[in-house]
Amino acid sequence: MKKLVLIACISLISFAAAAQAKISFKTDTVDYGNIAKGSDGVRVFEFTNTGNAPLIITDVKSSCGCTVPKKPDGPVAPGASSSIEVKYDTNRVGPIRKTITVYSNADEPIKALKIKGEVLEEGKSVLEKTG
């Protein structure tokens, strides 16, 4: 009986070790390009769980308060896709260079994503941009 319980425990541990979530992003950088002050600052990072276990995103943090990320609700099943929404405060004129850090149970538990671009002053076009 003890041997049977031991074999069952080893089998369960082996199976659990083999089951792994894996996060694959379409892109790890979103380029806003040149955008006008006050324009829509919402962008999306799309991803798929390419592993064989449910993917759980435990937290998503930004490198500053001007960028607000939103993680998906609940686990993402193997083979399923979801997204992380990022909202940048486009009332801040100047270059955008921010990092969004994703924490999950994936084989790569910490993943850095980037946003970049530039917010132009009202009334300025891309052609008038200096600098």
Protein backbone atom coordinates (compact mmCIF):
# COMPACT_ATOMS: atom_id res chain seq x y z
CA MET A 1 0.00 0.00 0.00
CA LYS A 2 2.82 2.44 0.87
CA LYS A 3 4.47 1.73 -2.48
CA LEU A 4 1.22 2.45 -4.30
CA VAL A 5 0.81 5.80 -2.51
CA LEU A 6 4.46 6.67 -3.23
CA ILE A 7 4.06 5.84 -6.94
CA ALA A 8 0.85 7.92 -7.10
CA CYS A 9 2.59 10.90 -5.46
CA ILE A 10 5.60 10.68 -7.79
CA SER A 11 3.31 10.43 -10.82
CA LEU A 12 1.32 13.47 -9.71
CA ILE A 13 4.47 15.52 -9.11
CA SER A 14 5.91 14.48 -12.48
CA PHE A 15 2.70 15.46 -14.24
CA ALA A 16 2.54 18.80 -12.44
CA ALA A 17 6.17 19.52 -13.34
CA ALA A 18 5.49 18.76 -17.01
CA ALA A 19 2.41 20.99 -17.15
CA GLN A 20 3.57 24.54 -17.80
CA ALA A 21 1.92 27.74 -18.93
CA LYS A 22 3.76 29.68 -21.62
CA ILE A 23 2.99 33.25 -22.66
CA SER A 24 3.67 34.30 -26.26
CA PHE A 25 3.08 37.96 -27.16
CA LYS A 26 2.37 39.07 -30.75
CA THR A 27 4.83 41.88 -30.04
CA ASP A 28 6.67 43.01 -26.94
CA THR A 29 6.78 46.67 -28.07
CA VAL A 30 3.89 48.96 -28.98
CA ASP A 31 4.84 52.06 -30.95
CA TYR A 32 2.40 54.94 -30.55
CA GLY A 33 4.27 56.89 -33.22
CA ASN A 34 3.69 60.66 -33.16
CA ILE A 35 0.32 61.37 -31.56
CA ALA A 36 -1.49 64.57 -30.65
CA LYS A 37 -1.82 65.75 -27.08
CA GLY A 38 -5.07 64.49 -25.56
CA SER A 39 -5.58 61.73 -28.13
CA ASP A 40 -6.56 58.14 -27.29
CA GLY A 41 -3.76 56.61 -25.24
CA VAL A 42 -5.14 53.06 -25.05
CA ARG A 43 -3.13 50.30 -26.71
CA VAL A 44 -3.25 46.50 -26.38
CA PHE A 45 -0.64 43.77 -26.05
CA GLU A 46 -2.15 40.54 -27.42
CA PHE A 47 -0.86 37.17 -26.24
CA THR A 48 -1.58 33.44 -26.40
CA ASN A 49 -1.02 30.74 -23.80
CA THR A 50 1.07 28.30 -25.86
CA GLY A 51 1.69 26.04 -22.87
CA ASN A 52 -0.27 23.07 -21.60
CA ALA A 53 -1.49 24.52 -18.28
CA PRO A 54 -3.72 27.50 -17.43
CA LEU A 55 -1.86 30.83 -17.50
CA ILE A 56 -2.45 33.09 -14.52
CA ILE A 57 -1.29 36.70 -14.75
CA THR A 58 -0.83 37.71 -11.14
CA ASP A 59 0.16 41.35 -11.66
CA VAL A 60 0.99 43.96 -14.31
CA LYS A 61 2.98 47.04 -13.29
CA SER A 62 4.14 50.15 -15.08
CA SER A 63 7.42 52.03 -14.72
CA CYS A 64 5.49 55.24 -13.93
CA GLY A 65 2.09 56.55 -12.94
CA CYS A 66 1.42 58.01 -16.40
CA THR A 67 0.83 54.50 -17.76
CA VAL A 68 -1.98 52.35 -16.41
CA PRO A 69 -1.97 48.65 -17.40
CA LYS A 70 -4.96 46.34 -17.00
CA LYS A 71 -4.50 42.58 -16.70
CA PRO A 72 -7.01 40.01 -17.91
CA ASP A 73 -9.58 38.65 -15.46
CA GLY A 74 -9.08 35.00 -14.57
CA PRO A 75 -6.82 32.31 -16.01
CA VAL A 76 -6.13 31.92 -19.74
CA ALA A 77 -6.62 28.32 -20.89
CA PRO A 78 -3.96 26.51 -22.95
CA GLY A 79 -4.30 27.60 -26.59
CA ALA A 80 -6.49 30.59 -25.68
CA SER A 81 -5.64 34.24 -26.32
CA SER A 82 -6.16 37.36 -24.27
CA SER A 83 -4.72 40.85 -23.94
CA ILE A 84 -3.21 43.38 -21.60
CA GLU A 85 -4.59 46.89 -22.04
CA VAL A 86 -2.27 49.85 -21.48
CA LYS A 87 -3.47 53.45 -21.17
CA TYR A 88 -0.88 56.22 -21.48
CA ASP A 89 -1.66 59.77 -20.31
CA THR A 90 -1.43 61.64 -23.62
CA ASN A 91 -1.74 65.02 -21.89
CA ARG A 92 2.00 64.75 -21.21
CA VAL A 93 3.87 66.25 -24.18
CA GLY A 94 7.17 64.64 -25.14
CA PRO A 95 8.72 61.25 -25.81
CA ILE A 96 7.14 58.04 -24.52
CA ARG A 97 9.55 55.36 -23.28
CA LYS A 98 7.88 53.16 -20.65
CA THR A 99 8.13 49.57 -19.45
CA ILE A 100 5.22 47.37 -18.42
CA THR A 101 6.21 44.33 -16.33
CA VAL A 102 4.01 41.23 -16.44
CA TYR A 103 4.11 38.70 -13.58
CA SER A 104 2.65 35.23 -14.20
CA ASN A 105 2.98 31.51 -13.63
CA ALA A 106 4.48 31.05 -17.12
CA ASP A 107 7.81 29.38 -17.81
CA GLU A 108 9.17 32.95 -18.03
CA PRO A 109 7.49 34.37 -14.88
CA ILE A 110 8.53 38.01 -15.43
CA LYS A 111 8.16 39.58 -18.87
CA ALA A 112 8.99 43.19 -19.79
CA LEU A 113 6.91 44.95 -22.44
CA LYS A 114 7.66 48.40 -23.88
CA ILE A 115 5.69 51.33 -25.20
CA LYS A 116 7.27 54.12 -27.18
CA GLY A 117 6.34 57.13 -29.26
CA GLU A 118 5.95 60.86 -28.85
CA VAL A 119 3.09 63.12 -27.80
CA LEU A 120 3.14 66.36 -29.80
CA GLU A 121 1.87 69.74 -28.61
CA GLU A 122 -1.59 70.81 -29.70
CA GLY A 123 -1.55 72.44 -33.10
CA LYS A 124 1.79 70.89 -34.12
CA SER A 125 1.93 68.37 -36.92
CA VAL A 126 4.51 65.71 -37.51
CA LEU A 127 6.08 67.97 -40.18
CA GLU A 128 6.42 70.87 -37.72
CA LYS A 129 8.06 68.68 -35.08
CA THR A 130 11.43 70.01 -34.02
CA GLY A 131 14.17 68.27 -32.28
